[in-house]
Amino acid sequence: MFLAMAASVATAQEKTDTLMSVRSASRVVLTENPQGFRVEVTPDSLSGDSTVVFAAEFSTPVTTVSRRWQASTAAPIMSSSFGEKWDLCVGGPGIGWVNACGQPAGLGVEMGKSIEVSWLNILALKYRLPWKTSTISVGFGVDWRNYRISTSSSRFVAENGRVTYGPYPEGADGKGSRLQVFGMGIPVLWQQSLPFKMFGSRCMLGVGAVFNYNSSASLKTKWYTEEGLKAEQTSHNIGHRRFTVDLMALVRVWGAVNVYVRYSPNSVLRGAGQLQFRPLSSGIILYY
């Protein structure tokens, strides 16, 4: 405070010789707020004057960097803000159902039993656009998809690094066949706050793309033989497509609940003689 006073005196010598004069001060109050600070000096009551003899407000430029951690049902699980435009966010998990679009007739992949489990943004960097109601984010996440056949007489068949389909062995009692793919993705999403609410929460629309690296895939089929013995075929060499792109849209409908749709124009398997189908999934993402 005294340094500030001294600086003020140095710059005001042409107008006045004395900034303030208090023989016996009983109280000095420094009040700070986001716009600056206010200084008040009250003389000692023994001096016979208990009025404020000095009161001044000093404004400060907004150059500080703010950081905060928050938890909210209408926001990511956790975020750290730095500067005026950037947020480091952790999004929530999601679960959905995946369909095999374009699958051959008779294959029988069931959307109701084919599950997608994802964590869209394990970590993401979000930028607030100038018009304030929009953001764009780049993150990192994971996705696991399980395509399942349980009611059809067909099954996935692994042959020489390729996947075809066909019936179970003669006399066998099929117990299900599934193909699963695990991948890591970089989601690039734009979000826009909508001018209306649903179930008491402001709606948010997000659209974008997820760039995936599918690191592993496997196939497993189980059945009982005609003699009643358990049989199983498993393969981790099925010729899955390593790099894919998903188109994605999501809408916040209530608090922490978001519904999403995710579609890939790329086939799950690649190469000649492979089954050709593309994933289309929908479900719920929490705390995005």
C-alpha atoms as a PDB file:
ATOM      1  CA  MET A   1       0.000   0.000   0.000  1.00  0.00           C
ATOM      2  CA  PHE A   2       2.807   2.379   0.913  1.00  0.00           C
ATOM      3  CA  LEU A   3       4.613   1.602  -2.361  1.00  0.00           C
ATOM      4  CA  ALA A   4       1.440   2.476  -4.239  1.00  0.00           C
ATOM      5  CA  MET A   5       1.125   5.705  -2.296  1.00  0.00           C
ATOM      6  CA  ALA A   6       4.749   6.573  -2.961  1.00  0.00           C
ATOM      7  CA  ALA A   7       4.319   5.960  -6.678  1.00  0.00           C
ATOM      8  CA  SER A   8       1.198   8.105  -6.711  1.00  0.00           C
ATOM      9  CA  VAL A   9       3.064  10.912  -4.958  1.00  0.00           C
ATOM     10  CA  ALA A  10       5.908  10.689  -7.469  1.00  0.00           C
ATOM     11  CA  THR A  11       3.550  11.067 -10.430  1.00  0.00           C
ATOM     12  CA  ALA A  12       1.474  13.842  -8.849  1.00  0.00           C
ATOM     13  CA  GLN A  13       4.206  16.232  -7.702  1.00  0.00           C
ATOM     14  CA  GLU A  14       3.050  18.872 -10.180  1.00  0.00           C
ATOM     15  CA  LYS A  15      -0.437  19.010  -8.635  1.00  0.00           C
ATOM     16  CA  THR A  16       0.162  18.525  -4.919  1.00  0.00           C
ATOM     17  CA  ASP A  17       2.960  18.070  -2.443  1.00  0.00           C
ATOM     18  CA  THR A  18       1.087  15.829  -0.002  1.00  0.00           C
ATOM     19  CA  LEU A  19      -0.979  12.770  -0.791  1.00  0.00           C
ATOM     20  CA  MET A  20      -2.201  12.302   2.775  1.00  0.00           C
ATOM     21  CA  SER A  21      -1.288  13.220   6.332  1.00  0.00           C
ATOM     22  CA  VAL A  22      -2.458  11.218   9.356  1.00  0.00           C
ATOM     23  CA  ARG A  23      -0.767  11.806  12.713  1.00  0.00           C
ATOM     24  CA  SER A  24      -2.280   8.771  14.435  1.00  0.00           C
ATOM     25  CA  ALA A  25      -4.214   6.203  12.379  1.00  0.00           C
ATOM     26  CA  SER A  26      -6.495   3.788  14.175  1.00  0.00           C
ATOM     27  CA  ARG A  27      -7.372   1.647  11.162  1.00  0.00           C
ATOM     28  CA  VAL A  28      -6.203   0.986   7.598  1.00  0.00           C
ATOM     29  CA  VAL A  29      -8.583  -1.053   5.405  1.00  0.00           C
ATOM     30  CA  LEU A  30      -7.582  -2.547   2.058  1.00  0.00           C
ATOM     31  CA  THR A  31     -10.564  -4.023   0.155  1.00  0.00           C
ATOM     32  CA  GLU A  32      -9.873  -6.073  -2.979  1.00  0.00           C
ATOM     33  CA  ASN A  33     -12.292  -7.072  -5.754  1.00  0.00           C
ATOM     34  CA  PRO A  34     -11.933  -8.296  -9.355  1.00  0.00           C
ATOM     35  CA  GLN A  35     -11.875  -4.709 -10.643  1.00  0.00           C
ATOM     36  CA  GLY A  36      -9.156  -3.410  -8.273  1.00  0.00           C
ATOM     37  CA  PHE A  37      -8.894  -2.329  -4.635  1.00  0.00           C
ATOM     38  CA  ARG A  38      -9.966   0.455  -2.252  1.00  0.00           C
ATOM     39  CA  VAL A  39      -7.849   1.976   0.523  1.00  0.00           C
ATOM     40  CA  GLU A  40      -9.385   3.630   3.585  1.00  0.00           C
ATOM     41  CA  VAL A  41      -7.456   5.184   6.489  1.00  0.00           C
ATOM     42  CA  THR A  42      -9.247   6.208   9.698  1.00  0.00           C
ATOM     43  CA  PRO A  43      -7.471   8.461  12.245  1.00  0.00           C
ATOM     44  CA  ASP A  44      -7.243   7.673  15.939  1.00  0.00           C
ATOM     45  CA  SER A  45     -10.245   8.897  17.956  1.00  0.00           C
ATOM     46  CA  LEU A  46      -7.832  10.638  20.326  1.00  0.00           C
ATOM     47  CA  SER A  47      -6.960  13.080  17.590  1.00  0.00           C
ATOM     48  CA  GLY A  48     -10.463  14.440  17.762  1.00  0.00           C
ATOM     49  CA  ASP A  49     -11.441  13.481  14.248  1.00  0.00           C
ATOM     50  CA  SER A  50     -12.813   9.991  13.549  1.00  0.00           C
ATOM     51  CA  THR A  51     -13.803  10.608   9.939  1.00  0.00           C
ATOM     52  CA  VAL A  52     -12.088   8.955   7.005  1.00  0.00           C
ATOM     53  CA  VAL A  53      -9.347  11.293   5.854  1.00  0.00           C
ATOM     54  CA  PHE A  54      -8.204   9.132   2.920  1.00  0.00           C
ATOM     55  CA  ALA A  55     -10.219   6.883   0.647  1.00  0.00           C
ATOM     56  CA  ALA A  56      -9.187   5.963  -2.879  1.00  0.00           C
ATOM     57  CA  GLU A  57      -9.950   3.245  -5.412  1.00  0.00           C
ATOM     58  CA  PHE A  58      -7.323   1.750  -7.710  1.00  0.00           C
ATOM     59  CA  SER A  59      -8.271  -0.285 -10.764  1.00  0.00           C
ATOM     60  CA  THR A  60      -6.111  -3.203 -11.868  1.00  0.00           C
ATOM     61  CA  PRO A  61      -5.898  -4.713 -15.372  1.00  0.00           C
ATOM     62  CA  VAL A  62      -7.345  -8.199 -15.811  1.00  0.00           C
ATOM     63  CA  THR A  63      -4.139 -10.063 -16.565  1.00  0.00           C
ATOM     64  CA  THR A  64      -4.324 -12.832 -14.003  1.00  0.00           C
ATOM     65  CA  VAL A  65      -4.812 -16.457 -15.001  1.00  0.00           C
ATOM     66  CA  SER A  66      -7.691 -18.192 -13.266  1.00  0.00           C
ATOM     67  CA  ARG A  67      -7.832 -21.921 -12.557  1.00  0.00           C
ATOM     68  CA  ARG A  68     -10.765 -23.875 -11.237  1.00  0.00           C
ATOM     69  CA  TRP A  69     -11.971 -27.436 -10.772  1.00  0.00           C
ATOM     70  CA  GLN A  70     -15.662 -28.120 -10.969  1.00  0.00           C
ATOM     71  CA  ALA A  71     -18.197 -30.914 -10.873  1.00  0.00           C
ATOM     72  CA  SER A  72     -21.620 -30.439 -12.419  1.00  0.00           C
ATOM     73  CA  THR A  73     -24.423 -32.609 -13.696  1.00  0.00           C
ATOM     74  CA  ALA A  74     -24.644 -30.452 -16.805  1.00  0.00           C
ATOM     75  CA  ALA A  75     -20.915 -30.408 -17.550  1.00  0.00           C
ATOM     76  CA  PRO A  76     -18.005 -32.809 -17.796  1.00  0.00           C
ATOM     77  CA  ILE A  77     -17.131 -34.846 -14.697  1.00  0.00           C
ATOM     78  CA  MET A  78     -14.220 -32.519 -14.051  1.00  0.00           C
ATOM     79  CA  SER A  79     -12.637 -29.568 -15.800  1.00  0.00           C
ATOM     80  CA  SER A  80      -9.775 -27.179 -15.232  1.00  0.00           C
ATOM     81  CA  SER A  81     -10.005 -23.727 -16.799  1.00  0.00           C
ATOM     82  CA  PHE A  82      -6.954 -21.669 -17.656  1.00  0.00           C
ATOM     83  CA  GLY A  83      -7.031 -18.354 -19.399  1.00  0.00           C
ATOM     84  CA  GLU A  84     -10.279 -17.077 -20.788  1.00  0.00           C
ATOM     85  CA  LYS A  85     -10.886 -19.589 -23.581  1.00  0.00           C
ATOM     86  CA  TRP A  86      -9.486 -23.012 -22.663  1.00  0.00           C
ATOM     87  CA  ASP A  87     -10.720 -25.912 -20.543  1.00  0.00           C
ATOM     88  CA  LEU A  88      -9.047 -29.231 -19.785  1.00  0.00           C
ATOM     89  CA  CYS A  89     -11.929 -31.687 -19.392  1.00  0.00           C
ATOM     90  CA  VAL A  90     -12.708 -35.252 -18.441  1.00  0.00           C
ATOM     91  CA  GLY A  91     -15.942 -36.539 -19.994  1.00  0.00           C
ATOM     92  CA  GLY A  92     -18.136 -39.396 -18.906  1.00  0.00           C
ATOM     93  CA  PRO A  93     -18.647 -43.024 -19.889  1.00  0.00           C
ATOM     94  CA  GLY A  94     -21.240 -44.238 -22.365  1.00  0.00           C
ATOM     95  CA  ILE A  95     -23.152 -47.370 -23.229  1.00  0.00           C
ATOM     96  CA  GLY A  96     -25.154 -48.141 -26.337  1.00  0.00           C
ATOM     97  CA  TRP A  97     -26.362 -50.735 -28.807  1.00  0.00           C
ATOM     98  CA  VAL A  98     -24.651 -51.347 -32.120  1.00  0.00           C
ATOM     99  CA  ASN A  99     -26.129 -52.570 -35.389  1.00  0.00           C
ATOM    100  CA  ALA A 100     -24.271 -54.177 -38.307  1.00  0.00           C
ATOM    101  CA  CYS A 101     -25.484 -52.127 -41.264  1.00  0.00           C
ATOM    102  CA  GLY A 102     -25.283 -53.892 -44.610  1.00  0.00           C
ATOM    103  CA  GLN A 103     -24.828 -57.341 -43.109  1.00  0.00           C
ATOM    104  CA  PRO A 104     -25.652 -60.253 -45.417  1.00  0.00           C
ATOM    105  CA  ALA A 105     -29.173 -61.637 -45.249  1.00  0.00           C
ATOM    106  CA  GLY A 106     -29.282 -64.479 -42.767  1.00  0.00           C
ATOM    107  CA  LEU A 107     -26.248 -63.430 -40.720  1.00  0.00           C
ATOM    108  CA  GLY A 108     -28.442 -62.365 -37.811  1.00  0.00           C
ATOM    109  CA  VAL A 109     -26.372 -59.813 -35.821  1.00  0.00           C
ATOM    110  CA  GLU A 110     -28.843 -58.493 -33.211  1.00  0.00           C
ATOM    111  CA  MET A 111     -28.720 -54.838 -32.221  1.00  0.00           C
ATOM    112  CA  GLY A 112     -30.562 -55.543 -28.968  1.00  0.00           C
ATOM    113  CA  LYS A 113     -27.764 -57.881 -27.824  1.00  0.00           C
ATOM    114  CA  SER A 114     -24.796 -56.158 -29.462  1.00  0.00           C
ATOM    115  CA  ILE A 115     -23.315 -53.734 -26.953  1.00  0.00           C
ATOM    116  CA  GLU A 116     -21.023 -50.734 -27.302  1.00  0.00           C
ATOM    117  CA  VAL A 117     -19.128 -49.496 -24.224  1.00  0.00           C
ATOM    118  CA  SER A 118     -17.142 -46.282 -24.634  1.00  0.00           C
ATOM    119  CA  TRP A 119     -15.373 -43.483 -22.809  1.00  0.00           C
ATOM    120  CA  LEU A 120     -15.484 -40.733 -25.379  1.00  0.00           C
ATOM    121  CA  ASN A 121     -13.206 -38.255 -23.619  1.00  0.00           C
ATOM    122  CA  ILE A 122     -10.819 -39.676 -21.075  1.00  0.00           C
ATOM    123  CA  LEU A 123      -9.111 -36.320 -21.478  1.00  0.00           C
ATOM    124  CA  ALA A 124      -9.978 -33.435 -23.792  1.00  0.00           C
ATOM    125  CA  LEU A 125      -8.900 -29.878 -24.502  1.00  0.00           C
ATOM    126  CA  LYS A 126     -11.873 -27.606 -25.084  1.00  0.00           C
ATOM    127  CA  TYR A 127     -11.820 -24.114 -26.608  1.00  0.00           C
ATOM    128  CA  ARG A 128     -14.637 -21.619 -26.081  1.00  0.00           C
ATOM    129  CA  LEU A 129     -15.457 -19.897 -29.360  1.00  0.00           C
ATOM    130  CA  PRO A 130     -15.908 -16.090 -29.453  1.00  0.00           C
ATOM    131  CA  TRP A 131     -19.708 -16.203 -29.548  1.00  0.00           C
ATOM    132  CA  LYS A 132     -19.627 -17.910 -26.099  1.00  0.00           C
ATOM    133  CA  THR A 133     -22.398 -20.452 -26.681  1.00  0.00           C
ATOM    134  CA  SER A 134     -20.151 -22.756 -28.731  1.00  0.00           C
ATOM    135  CA  THR A 135     -17.068 -24.837 -27.994  1.00  0.00           C
ATOM    136  CA  ILE A 136     -14.789 -27.108 -29.968  1.00  0.00           C
ATOM    137  CA  SER A 137     -12.849 -29.927 -28.329  1.00  0.00           C
ATOM    138  CA  VAL A 138     -10.130 -32.448 -29.170  1.00  0.00           C
ATOM    139  CA  GLY A 139      -9.743 -35.434 -26.887  1.00  0.00           C
ATOM    140  CA  PHE A 140      -8.718 -39.024 -26.407  1.00  0.00           C
ATOM    141  CA  GLY A 141     -11.014 -41.962 -25.660  1.00  0.00           C
ATOM    142  CA  VAL A 142     -11.649 -45.675 -26.059  1.00  0.00           C
ATOM    143  CA  ASP A 143     -14.445 -47.770 -27.550  1.00  0.00           C
ATOM    144  CA  TRP A 144     -15.391 -51.450 -27.359  1.00  0.00           C
ATOM    145  CA  ARG A 145     -17.997 -52.979 -29.671  1.00  0.00           C
ATOM    146  CA  ASN A 146     -19.452 -56.463 -29.451  1.00  0.00           C
ATOM    147  CA  TYR A 147     -21.461 -57.817 -32.423  1.00  0.00           C
ATOM    148  CA  ARG A 148     -23.493 -60.806 -31.277  1.00  0.00           C
ATOM    149  CA  ILE A 149     -25.539 -63.578 -32.932  1.00  0.00           C
ATOM    150  CA  SER A 150     -27.664 -65.602 -30.523  1.00  0.00           C
ATOM    151  CA  THR A 151     -30.953 -66.509 -32.198  1.00  0.00           C
ATOM    152  CA  SER A 152     -29.852 -67.222 -35.769  1.00  0.00           C
ATOM    153  CA  SER A 153     -28.683 -70.608 -36.988  1.00  0.00           C
ATOM    154  CA  SER A 154     -25.673 -68.824 -38.496  1.00  0.00           C
ATOM    155  CA  ARG A 155     -22.343 -68.115 -36.833  1.00  0.00           C
ATOM    156  CA  PHE A 156     -19.133 -66.213 -37.495  1.00  0.00           C
ATOM    157  CA  VAL A 157     -16.470 -68.487 -38.972  1.00  0.00           C
ATOM    158  CA  ALA A 158     -12.734 -67.674 -38.920  1.00  0.00           C
ATOM    159  CA  GLU A 159     -10.760 -69.027 -41.888  1.00  0.00           C
ATOM    160  CA  ASN A 160      -7.146 -68.122 -42.694  1.00  0.00           C
ATOM    161  CA  GLY A 161      -7.308 -64.630 -41.233  1.00  0.00           C
ATOM    162  CA  ARG A 162     -10.729 -63.891 -42.741  1.00  0.00           C
ATOM    163  CA  VAL A 163     -14.255 -63.976 -41.366  1.00  0.00           C
ATOM    164  CA  THR A 164     -17.145 -65.592 -43.172  1.00  0.00           C
ATOM    165  CA  TYR A 165     -20.407 -66.978 -41.867  1.00  0.00           C
ATOM    166  CA  GLY A 166     -22.185 -70.277 -42.069  1.00  0.00           C
ATOM    167  CA  PRO A 167     -24.260 -72.839 -40.141  1.00  0.00           C
ATOM    168  CA  TYR A 168     -23.159 -74.715 -37.051  1.00  0.00           C
ATOM    169  CA  PRO A 169     -21.848 -78.265 -37.535  1.00  0.00           C
ATOM    170  CA  GLU A 170     -24.541 -80.825 -38.243  1.00  0.00           C
ATOM    171  CA  GLY A 171     -26.398 -81.839 -35.108  1.00  0.00           C
ATOM    172  CA  ALA A 172     -24.808 -79.071 -33.010  1.00  0.00           C
ATOM    173  CA  ASP A 173     -26.710 -76.897 -30.539  1.00  0.00           C
ATOM    174  CA  GLY A 174     -25.459 -73.347 -31.093  1.00  0.00           C
ATOM    175  CA  LYS A 175     -24.871 -71.157 -28.018  1.00  0.00           C
ATOM    176  CA  GLY A 176     -23.944 -67.911 -29.695  1.00  0.00           C
ATOM    177  CA  SER A 177     -21.292 -66.278 -31.797  1.00  0.00           C
ATOM    178  CA  ARG A 178     -19.716 -62.867 -31.332  1.00  0.00           C
ATOM    179  CA  LEU A 179     -17.157 -60.575 -32.931  1.00  0.00           C
ATOM    180  CA  GLN A 180     -15.663 -57.744 -30.891  1.00  0.00           C
ATOM    181  CA  VAL A 181     -13.415 -54.806 -31.696  1.00  0.00           C
ATOM    182  CA  PHE A 182     -11.505 -52.547 -29.301  1.00  0.00           C
ATOM    183  CA  GLY A 183     -10.204 -49.188 -30.434  1.00  0.00           C
ATOM    184  CA  MET A 184      -8.721 -45.894 -29.294  1.00  0.00           C
ATOM    185  CA  GLY A 185     -10.024 -42.671 -30.755  1.00  0.00           C
ATOM    186  CA  ILE A 186      -9.442 -38.929 -31.081  1.00  0.00           C
ATOM    187  CA  PRO A 187     -12.851 -37.195 -31.019  1.00  0.00           C
ATOM    188  CA  VAL A 188     -13.068 -33.731 -32.572  1.00  0.00           C
ATOM    189  CA  LEU A 189     -16.442 -32.276 -31.594  1.00  0.00           C
ATOM    190  CA  TRP A 190     -18.229 -28.955 -31.891  1.00  0.00           C
ATOM    191  CA  GLN A 191     -20.882 -28.188 -29.261  1.00  0.00           C
ATOM    192  CA  GLN A 192     -23.604 -25.568 -29.428  1.00  0.00           C
ATOM    193  CA  SER A 193     -25.854 -24.480 -26.577  1.00  0.00           C
ATOM    194  CA  LEU A 194     -29.491 -24.508 -27.720  1.00  0.00           C
ATOM    195  CA  PRO A 195     -31.964 -21.739 -26.773  1.00  0.00           C
ATOM    196  CA  PHE A 196     -34.409 -24.035 -24.985  1.00  0.00           C
ATOM    197  CA  LYS A 197     -34.574 -26.474 -22.110  1.00  0.00           C
ATOM    198  CA  MET A 198     -35.689 -30.073 -21.778  1.00  0.00           C
ATOM    199  CA  PHE A 199     -36.664 -31.530 -18.385  1.00  0.00           C
ATOM    200  CA  GLY A 200     -35.347 -28.365 -16.725  1.00  0.00           C
ATOM    201  CA  SER A 201     -31.854 -28.471 -18.266  1.00  0.00           C
ATOM    202  CA  ARG A 202     -30.503 -26.431 -21.145  1.00  0.00           C
ATOM    203  CA  CYS A 203     -30.014 -28.572 -24.218  1.00  0.00           C
ATOM    204  CA  MET A 204     -26.675 -28.909 -25.946  1.00  0.00           C
ATOM    205  CA  LEU A 205     -26.021 -30.213 -29.459  1.00  0.00           C
ATOM    206  CA  GLY A 206     -22.686 -31.747 -30.391  1.00  0.00           C
ATOM    207  CA  VAL A 207     -21.495 -32.985 -33.787  1.00  0.00           C
ATOM    208  CA  GLY A 208     -18.148 -34.128 -35.080  1.00  0.00           C
ATOM    209  CA  ALA A 209     -15.919 -37.037 -35.979  1.00  0.00           C
ATOM    210  CA  VAL A 210     -13.923 -39.659 -34.087  1.00  0.00           C
ATOM    211  CA  PHE A 211     -10.667 -40.871 -35.649  1.00  0.00           C
ATOM    212  CA  ASN A 212     -10.064 -44.444 -34.481  1.00  0.00           C
ATOM    213  CA  TYR A 213      -7.156 -46.824 -34.273  1.00  0.00           C
ATOM    214  CA  ASN A 214      -8.628 -50.300 -33.716  1.00  0.00           C
ATOM    215  CA  SER A 215      -5.872 -52.062 -31.839  1.00  0.00           C
ATOM    216  CA  SER A 216      -7.450 -55.502 -31.366  1.00  0.00           C
ATOM    217  CA  ALA A 217     -10.346 -57.699 -32.432  1.00  0.00           C
ATOM    218  CA  SER A 218     -11.436 -61.265 -31.800  1.00  0.00           C
ATOM    219  CA  LEU A 219     -14.073 -63.850 -32.687  1.00  0.00           C
ATOM    220  CA  LYS A 220     -15.612 -66.525 -30.489  1.00  0.00           C
ATOM    221  CA  THR A 221     -18.317 -69.115 -31.168  1.00  0.00           C
ATOM    222  CA  LYS A 222     -19.691 -71.703 -28.726  1.00  0.00           C
ATOM    223  CA  TRP A 223     -21.851 -74.780 -29.297  1.00  0.00           C
ATOM    224  CA  TYR A 224     -22.621 -78.263 -28.026  1.00  0.00           C
ATOM    225  CA  THR A 225     -21.762 -81.124 -30.320  1.00  0.00           C
ATOM    226  CA  GLU A 226     -24.212 -83.858 -31.262  1.00  0.00           C
ATOM    227  CA  GLU A 227     -22.641 -85.924 -28.477  1.00  0.00           C
ATOM    228  CA  GLY A 228     -23.291 -83.207 -25.903  1.00  0.00           C
ATOM    229  CA  LEU A 229     -19.698 -81.980 -25.635  1.00  0.00           C
ATOM    230  CA  LYS A 230     -18.792 -78.311 -25.374  1.00  0.00           C
ATOM    231  CA  ALA A 231     -17.038 -76.879 -28.419  1.00  0.00           C
ATOM    232  CA  GLU A 232     -15.577 -73.439 -29.059  1.00  0.00           C
ATOM    233  CA  GLN A 233     -13.806 -71.605 -31.861  1.00  0.00           C
ATOM    234  CA  THR A 234     -11.685 -68.543 -31.011  1.00  0.00           C
ATOM    235  CA  SER A 235      -9.547 -66.381 -33.263  1.00  0.00           C
ATOM    236  CA  HIS A 236      -7.614 -63.107 -32.813  1.00  0.00           C
ATOM    237  CA  ASN A 237      -6.568 -62.929 -36.443  1.00  0.00           C
ATOM    238  CA  ILE A 238      -9.679 -61.845 -38.296  1.00  0.00           C
ATOM    239  CA  GLY A 239      -8.410 -59.101 -40.611  1.00  0.00           C
ATOM    240  CA  HIS A 240     -10.188 -56.160 -38.959  1.00  0.00           C
ATOM    241  CA  ARG A 241      -9.753 -52.636 -40.282  1.00  0.00           C
ATOM    242  CA  ARG A 242      -7.165 -50.765 -38.232  1.00  0.00           C
ATOM    243  CA  PHE A 243      -8.051 -47.129 -39.019  1.00  0.00           C
ATOM    244  CA  THR A 244     -11.655 -45.933 -39.200  1.00  0.00           C
ATOM    245  CA  VAL A 245     -13.624 -42.710 -38.889  1.00  0.00           C
ATOM    246  CA  ASP A 246     -16.935 -42.365 -37.019  1.00  0.00           C
ATOM    247  CA  LEU A 247     -19.439 -39.566 -37.564  1.00  0.00           C
ATOM    248  CA  MET A 248     -21.106 -38.633 -34.291  1.00  0.00           C
ATOM    249  CA  ALA A 249     -23.933 -36.493 -32.934  1.00  0.00           C
ATOM    250  CA  LEU A 250     -25.102 -36.117 -29.354  1.00  0.00           C
ATOM    251  CA  VAL A 251     -27.747 -34.082 -27.523  1.00  0.00           C
ATOM    252  CA  ARG A 252     -27.951 -33.259 -23.830  1.00  0.00           C
ATOM    253  CA  VAL A 253     -31.519 -34.002 -22.800  1.00  0.00           C
ATOM    254  CA  TRP A 254     -31.472 -33.845 -19.004  1.00  0.00           C
ATOM    255  CA  GLY A 255     -28.818 -32.943 -16.445  1.00  0.00           C
ATOM    256  CA  ALA A 256     -25.910 -35.307 -16.972  1.00  0.00           C
ATOM    257  CA  VAL A 257     -27.681 -37.462 -19.582  1.00  0.00           C
ATOM    258  CA  ASN A 258     -26.767 -37.196 -23.263  1.00  0.00           C
ATOM    259  CA  VAL A 259     -28.076 -39.376 -26.073  1.00  0.00           C
ATOM    260  CA  TYR A 260     -25.841 -40.079 -29.051  1.00  0.00           C
ATOM    261  CA  VAL A 261     -25.758 -41.614 -32.526  1.00  0.00           C
ATOM    262  CA  ARG A 262     -22.486 -42.859 -34.017  1.00  0.00           C
ATOM    263  CA  TYR A 263     -21.965 -44.198 -37.535  1.00  0.00           C
ATOM    264  CA  SER A 264     -18.910 -45.324 -39.493  1.00  0.00           C
ATOM    265  CA  PRO A 265     -18.871 -45.445 -43.309  1.00  0.00           C
ATOM    266  CA  ASN A 266     -15.930 -47.885 -43.043  1.00  0.00           C
ATOM    267  CA  SER A 267     -16.501 -51.622 -42.934  1.00  0.00           C
ATOM    268  CA  VAL A 268     -15.422 -53.409 -39.758  1.00  0.00           C
ATOM    269  CA  LEU A 269     -13.423 -56.032 -41.695  1.00  0.00           C
ATOM    270  CA  ARG A 270     -11.143 -55.413 -44.672  1.00  0.00           C
ATOM    271  CA  GLY A 271      -9.882 -57.441 -47.585  1.00  0.00           C
ATOM    272  CA  ALA A 272     -11.317 -59.717 -50.236  1.00  0.00           C
ATOM    273  CA  GLY A 273     -13.692 -62.434 -49.086  1.00  0.00           C
ATOM    274  CA  GLN A 274     -14.506 -60.691 -45.807  1.00  0.00           C
ATOM    275  CA  LEU A 275     -17.943 -60.006 -44.387  1.00  0.00           C
ATOM    276  CA  GLN A 276     -18.929 -56.429 -45.184  1.00  0.00           C
ATOM    277  CA  PHE A 277     -20.913 -54.483 -42.590  1.00  0.00           C
ATOM    278  CA  ARG A 278     -20.645 -51.054 -40.964  1.00  0.00           C
ATOM    279  CA  PRO A 279     -21.375 -50.070 -37.353  1.00  0.00           C
ATOM    280  CA  LEU A 280     -24.295 -47.849 -36.397  1.00  0.00           C
ATOM    281  CA  SER A 281     -24.695 -47.342 -32.654  1.00  0.00           C
ATOM    282  CA  SER A 282     -26.886 -45.286 -30.344  1.00  0.00           C
ATOM    283  CA  GLY A 283     -27.088 -44.951 -26.595  1.00  0.00           C
ATOM    284  CA  ILE A 284     -26.363 -42.757 -23.578  1.00  0.00           C
ATOM    285  CA  ILE A 285     -23.288 -40.798 -22.520  1.00  0.00           C
ATOM    286  CA  LEU A 286     -23.119 -39.394 -18.982  1.00  0.00           C
ATOM    287  CA  TYR A 287     -21.510 -36.117 -17.890  1.00  0.00           C
ATOM    288  CA  TYR A 288     -20.355 -34.939 -21.280  1.00  0.00           C
END
